[in-house]
């Protein structure tokens, strides 16, 4: 099945639901996914994270 790479837009034969055409594109997609996840996590837990950092600085 031909699919379009989510990173570079190149068409490739997809196997088992793969969404990227190469290891390089997979690495880029993974970094972006992690960046988005941690940004959302920080926004949802900002107060707790800041409290923990301040508590650790006092030690």
Protein backbone atom coordinates (compact mmCIF):
# COMPACT_ATOMS: atom_id res chain seq x y z
CA UNK A 1 0.00 0.00 0.00
CA UNK A 2 1.44 3.37 -0.99
CA UNK A 3 1.46 5.97 1.76
CA UNK A 4 2.87 9.46 2.14
CA UNK A 5 5.59 9.98 4.76
CA UNK A 6 4.34 12.26 7.56
CA UNK A 7 7.74 13.97 7.78
CA UNK A 8 9.01 14.50 4.24
CA UNK A 9 5.91 13.77 2.14
CA UNK A 10 7.65 11.12 0.02
CA UNK A 11 5.48 8.20 -1.17
CA UNK A 12 6.60 4.73 -0.02
CA UNK A 13 5.31 1.18 0.38
CA UNK A 14 3.87 0.93 3.89
CA UNK A 15 4.23 -2.22 5.95
CA UNK A 16 2.30 -2.86 9.17
CA UNK A 17 0.97 0.69 9.49
CA UNK A 18 4.36 2.41 9.25
CA UNK A 19 3.96 6.19 8.81
CA UNK A 20 7.52 7.21 7.88
CA UNK A 21 9.63 6.26 4.86
CA UNK A 22 13.04 5.86 6.53
CA UNK A 23 14.93 5.63 9.79
CA UNK A 24 15.85 9.32 9.55
CA UNK A 25 12.20 10.37 9.18
CA UNK A 26 11.19 8.01 11.98
CA UNK A 27 13.76 9.66 14.28
CA UNK A 28 12.44 13.14 13.42
CA UNK A 29 8.82 12.04 13.95
CA UNK A 30 9.71 10.47 17.31
CA UNK A 31 11.48 13.64 18.50
CA UNK A 32 8.49 15.78 17.52
CA UNK A 33 6.08 13.40 19.25
CA UNK A 34 8.13 13.46 22.46
CA UNK A 35 8.47 17.24 22.31
CA UNK A 36 4.69 17.62 21.98
CA UNK A 37 4.05 15.12 24.81
CA UNK A 38 6.41 16.80 27.28
CA UNK A 39 5.10 20.26 26.43
CA UNK A 40 1.54 19.11 27.13
CA UNK A 41 2.68 17.33 30.31
CA UNK A 42 4.43 20.46 31.57
CA UNK A 43 1.41 22.67 30.86
CA UNK A 44 -0.85 20.28 32.79
CA UNK A 45 1.52 19.88 35.76
CA UNK A 46 3.33 23.23 35.84
CA UNK A 47 2.48 24.09 39.47
CA UNK A 48 3.61 20.72 40.82
CA UNK A 49 6.84 20.80 38.81
CA UNK A 50 7.72 24.31 40.02
CA UNK A 51 7.00 23.33 43.64
CA UNK A 52 9.26 20.28 43.32
CA UNK A 53 12.08 22.36 41.79
CA UNK A 54 11.83 24.99 44.53
CA UNK A 55 11.79 22.32 47.22
CA UNK A 56 14.94 20.71 45.77
CA UNK A 57 16.75 24.08 45.56
CA UNK A 58 16.25 24.66 49.30
CA UNK A 59 18.23 21.51 50.16
